[in-house]
Amino acid sequence: QVQLVESGGGSVQAGGSLRLSCAASGYTGRSYCMGWFRQAPGKEREGVAIIDRDGMTRYSDSVKGRFTISKDNAKNTLYLQMNSLKPEDTAMYYCAVGYALNLSPAYFGSWGQGTQVTVSS
């Protein structure tokens, strides 16, 4: 049973930074892809950034150049460094474990509870 616990969300002004963390347990970290997704009120959940077991990454166009995904295999922890935040980045952010380097939520079967990110203008 995979367990994922996100932390690090909060409220910041536009242009600010946050770092999200996701502590994972119950699986072998190198066997899967891990990713960050977000969902704003009234919108569908969307992929933000994915990293595979070899460290290859994939980003959505809306965050490319501003967000960086990374992981610490020894700690089984996933990170998302978010810089130059914009009001449109406001959403609930979820950590997930899946099986493809793909931004579609359909490829991810285990999810955390989420952490809220709010960016004010």
C-alpha atoms as a PDB file:
ATOM      1  CA  GLN A   1       0.000   0.000   0.000  1.00  0.00           C
ATOM      2  CA  VAL A   2       1.566   3.245  -1.178  1.00  0.00           C
ATOM      3  CA  GLN A   3       1.217   6.209   1.147  1.00  0.00           C
ATOM      4  CA  LEU A   4       1.980   9.753   0.035  1.00  0.00           C
ATOM      5  CA  VAL A   5       1.993  12.802   2.304  1.00  0.00           C
ATOM      6  CA  GLU A   6       2.443  16.268   0.820  1.00  0.00           C
ATOM      7  CA  SER A   7       3.629  19.353   2.675  1.00  0.00           C
ATOM      8  CA  GLY A   8       4.977  22.814   1.969  1.00  0.00           C
ATOM      9  CA  GLY A   9       1.946  24.565   0.561  1.00  0.00           C
ATOM     10  CA  GLY A  10       0.915  28.021   1.651  1.00  0.00           C
ATOM     11  CA  SER A  11       0.060  31.547   0.572  1.00  0.00           C
ATOM     12  CA  VAL A  12       2.548  33.736  -1.278  1.00  0.00           C
ATOM     13  CA  GLN A  13       2.510  36.846  -3.394  1.00  0.00           C
ATOM     14  CA  ALA A  14       3.060  36.720  -7.114  1.00  0.00           C
ATOM     15  CA  GLY A  15       6.745  36.332  -7.920  1.00  0.00           C
ATOM     16  CA  GLY A  16       7.408  34.377  -4.757  1.00  0.00           C
ATOM     17  CA  SER A  17       8.612  30.810  -4.254  1.00  0.00           C
ATOM     18  CA  LEU A  18       7.509  27.670  -2.476  1.00  0.00           C
ATOM     19  CA  ARG A  19       8.916  24.165  -2.197  1.00  0.00           C
ATOM     20  CA  LEU A  20       6.544  21.257  -1.932  1.00  0.00           C
ATOM     21  CA  SER A  21       7.572  17.921  -0.472  1.00  0.00           C
ATOM     22  CA  CYS A  22       5.995  14.492  -0.742  1.00  0.00           C
ATOM     23  CA  ALA A  23       7.046  11.737   1.639  1.00  0.00           C
ATOM     24  CA  ALA A  24       6.406   8.306   0.174  1.00  0.00           C
ATOM     25  CA  SER A  25       6.231   4.912   1.816  1.00  0.00           C
ATOM     26  CA  GLY A  26       5.111   1.418   0.951  1.00  0.00           C
ATOM     27  CA  TYR A  27       6.767   1.006  -2.448  1.00  0.00           C
ATOM     28  CA  THR A  28      10.160   0.775  -4.108  1.00  0.00           C
ATOM     29  CA  GLY A  29      10.902   4.312  -5.213  1.00  0.00           C
ATOM     30  CA  ARG A  30      13.014   3.379  -8.199  1.00  0.00           C
ATOM     31  CA  SER A  31      10.310   1.222  -9.747  1.00  0.00           C
ATOM     32  CA  TYR A  32       7.873   3.946 -10.600  1.00  0.00           C
ATOM     33  CA  CYS A  33       7.375   7.428 -11.924  1.00  0.00           C
ATOM     34  CA  MET A  34       6.354  10.137  -9.500  1.00  0.00           C
ATOM     35  CA  GLY A  35       4.659  13.365 -10.271  1.00  0.00           C
ATOM     36  CA  TRP A  36       2.961  16.540  -9.185  1.00  0.00           C
ATOM     37  CA  PHE A  37      -0.520  17.425 -10.300  1.00  0.00           C
ATOM     38  CA  ARG A  38      -2.795  20.316  -9.471  1.00  0.00           C
ATOM     39  CA  GLN A  39      -6.468  21.049  -9.487  1.00  0.00           C
ATOM     40  CA  ALA A  40      -8.065  24.469  -9.261  1.00  0.00           C
ATOM     41  CA  PRO A  41     -11.747  24.902  -8.311  1.00  0.00           C
ATOM     42  CA  GLY A  42     -13.989  24.054 -11.240  1.00  0.00           C
ATOM     43  CA  LYS A  43     -11.126  22.708 -13.326  1.00  0.00           C
ATOM     44  CA  GLU A  44      -9.826  19.256 -14.141  1.00  0.00           C
ATOM     45  CA  ARG A  45      -6.748  17.856 -12.486  1.00  0.00           C
ATOM     46  CA  GLU A  46      -3.679  18.529 -14.630  1.00  0.00           C
ATOM     47  CA  GLY A  47      -0.145  17.247 -14.668  1.00  0.00           C
ATOM     48  CA  VAL A  48       2.533  19.729 -13.637  1.00  0.00           C
ATOM     49  CA  ALA A  49       5.780  17.764 -13.524  1.00  0.00           C
ATOM     50  CA  ILE A  50       6.813  14.110 -13.703  1.00  0.00           C
ATOM     51  CA  ILE A  51      10.086  12.351 -12.931  1.00  0.00           C
ATOM     52  CA  ASP A  52      10.935   8.760 -13.756  1.00  0.00           C
ATOM     53  CA  ARG A  53      13.182   6.264 -12.007  1.00  0.00           C
ATOM     54  CA  ASP A  54      16.210   7.419 -14.017  1.00  0.00           C
ATOM     55  CA  GLY A  55      15.652  11.092 -13.262  1.00  0.00           C
ATOM     56  CA  MET A  56      14.180  12.059 -16.597  1.00  0.00           C
ATOM     57  CA  THR A  57      11.592  14.789 -16.245  1.00  0.00           C
ATOM     58  CA  ARG A  58       8.614  16.212 -18.048  1.00  0.00           C
ATOM     59  CA  TYR A  59       6.863  19.519 -17.405  1.00  0.00           C
ATOM     60  CA  SER A  60       3.684  21.168 -18.501  1.00  0.00           C
ATOM     61  CA  ASP A  61       4.251  24.182 -20.753  1.00  0.00           C
ATOM     62  CA  SER A  62       2.663  26.457 -18.163  1.00  0.00           C
ATOM     63  CA  VAL A  63       5.372  25.787 -15.556  1.00  0.00           C
ATOM     64  CA  LYS A  64       8.427  25.034 -17.700  1.00  0.00           C
ATOM     65  CA  GLY A  65      11.340  27.201 -16.635  1.00  0.00           C
ATOM     66  CA  ARG A  66       9.720  28.129 -13.323  1.00  0.00           C
ATOM     67  CA  PHE A  67       9.174  24.792 -11.544  1.00  0.00           C
ATOM     68  CA  THR A  68      11.711  22.052 -10.881  1.00  0.00           C
ATOM     69  CA  ILE A  69      10.876  18.506  -9.849  1.00  0.00           C
ATOM     70  CA  SER A  70      13.420  16.391  -8.004  1.00  0.00           C
ATOM     71  CA  LYS A  71      13.574  13.400  -5.730  1.00  0.00           C
ATOM     72  CA  ASP A  72      15.734  11.965  -3.009  1.00  0.00           C
ATOM     73  CA  ASN A  73      15.637   8.182  -3.395  1.00  0.00           C
ATOM     74  CA  ALA A  74      17.351   7.601  -0.062  1.00  0.00           C
ATOM     75  CA  LYS A  75      14.604   9.540   1.719  1.00  0.00           C
ATOM     76  CA  ASN A  76      11.789   8.420  -0.605  1.00  0.00           C
ATOM     77  CA  THR A  77      10.834  12.059  -0.939  1.00  0.00           C
ATOM     78  CA  LEU A  78       9.676  13.998  -3.975  1.00  0.00           C
ATOM     79  CA  TYR A  79      10.054  17.766  -4.274  1.00  0.00           C
ATOM     80  CA  LEU A  80       8.654  20.553  -6.389  1.00  0.00           C
ATOM     81  CA  GLN A  81      10.521  23.850  -6.318  1.00  0.00           C
ATOM     82  CA  MET A  82       8.186  26.558  -7.555  1.00  0.00           C
ATOM     83  CA  ASN A  83       9.637  29.946  -8.473  1.00  0.00           C
ATOM     84  CA  SER A  84       8.138  33.045 -10.067  1.00  0.00           C
ATOM     85  CA  LEU A  85       4.700  31.996  -8.908  1.00  0.00           C
ATOM     86  CA  LYS A  86       1.657  33.456 -10.622  1.00  0.00           C
ATOM     87  CA  PRO A  87      -1.949  33.784  -9.450  1.00  0.00           C
ATOM     88  CA  GLU A  88      -2.909  31.157 -12.026  1.00  0.00           C
ATOM     89  CA  ASP A  89      -0.728  28.648 -10.155  1.00  0.00           C
ATOM     90  CA  THR A  90      -3.273  28.720  -7.326  1.00  0.00           C
ATOM     91  CA  ALA A  91      -4.576  25.171  -6.825  1.00  0.00           C
ATOM     92  CA  MET A  92      -4.499  22.093  -4.672  1.00  0.00           C
ATOM     93  CA  TYR A  93      -1.284  20.267  -5.465  1.00  0.00           C
ATOM     94  CA  TYR A  94      -1.141  16.484  -5.345  1.00  0.00           C
ATOM     95  CA  CYS A  95       1.713  14.020  -5.343  1.00  0.00           C
ATOM     96  CA  ALA A  96       1.199  10.755  -7.207  1.00  0.00           C
ATOM     97  CA  VAL A  97       2.915   7.507  -8.135  1.00  0.00           C
ATOM     98  CA  GLY A  98       2.418   6.022 -11.568  1.00  0.00           C
ATOM     99  CA  TYR A  99       3.951   4.009 -14.364  1.00  0.00           C
ATOM    100  CA  ALA A 100       4.601   6.400 -17.248  1.00  0.00           C
ATOM    101  CA  LEU A 101       6.472   9.628 -17.881  1.00  0.00           C
ATOM    102  CA  ASN A 102       3.203  11.184 -18.902  1.00  0.00           C
ATOM    103  CA  LEU A 103       1.349  14.236 -17.624  1.00  0.00           C
ATOM    104  CA  SER A 104      -2.043  12.539 -17.801  1.00  0.00           C
ATOM    105  CA  PRO A 105      -3.496  11.615 -14.387  1.00  0.00           C
ATOM    106  CA  ALA A 106      -4.751   8.376 -15.971  1.00  0.00           C
ATOM    107  CA  TYR A 107      -1.255   6.878 -15.661  1.00  0.00           C
ATOM    108  CA  PHE A 108      -1.112   7.460 -11.900  1.00  0.00           C
ATOM    109  CA  GLY A 109      -2.917   5.255  -9.409  1.00  0.00           C
ATOM    110  CA  SER A 110      -1.761   6.337  -5.957  1.00  0.00           C
ATOM    111  CA  TRP A 111      -2.419   9.835  -4.701  1.00  0.00           C
ATOM    112  CA  GLY A 112      -1.713  11.966  -1.670  1.00  0.00           C
ATOM    113  CA  GLN A 113      -4.255  14.169   0.082  1.00  0.00           C
ATOM    114  CA  GLY A 114      -2.939  17.373  -1.426  1.00  0.00           C
ATOM    115  CA  THR A 115      -1.499  20.658  -0.215  1.00  0.00           C
ATOM    116  CA  GLN A 116      -2.991  24.051  -1.035  1.00  0.00           C
ATOM    117  CA  VAL A 117      -1.002  26.707  -2.875  1.00  0.00           C
ATOM    118  CA  THR A 118      -2.469  30.205  -3.076  1.00  0.00           C
ATOM    119  CA  VAL A 119      -0.758  32.981  -5.031  1.00  0.00           C
ATOM    120  CA  SER A 120      -2.053  36.516  -4.652  1.00  0.00           C
ATOM    121  CA  SER A 121      -1.468  39.334  -7.103  1.00  0.00           C
END
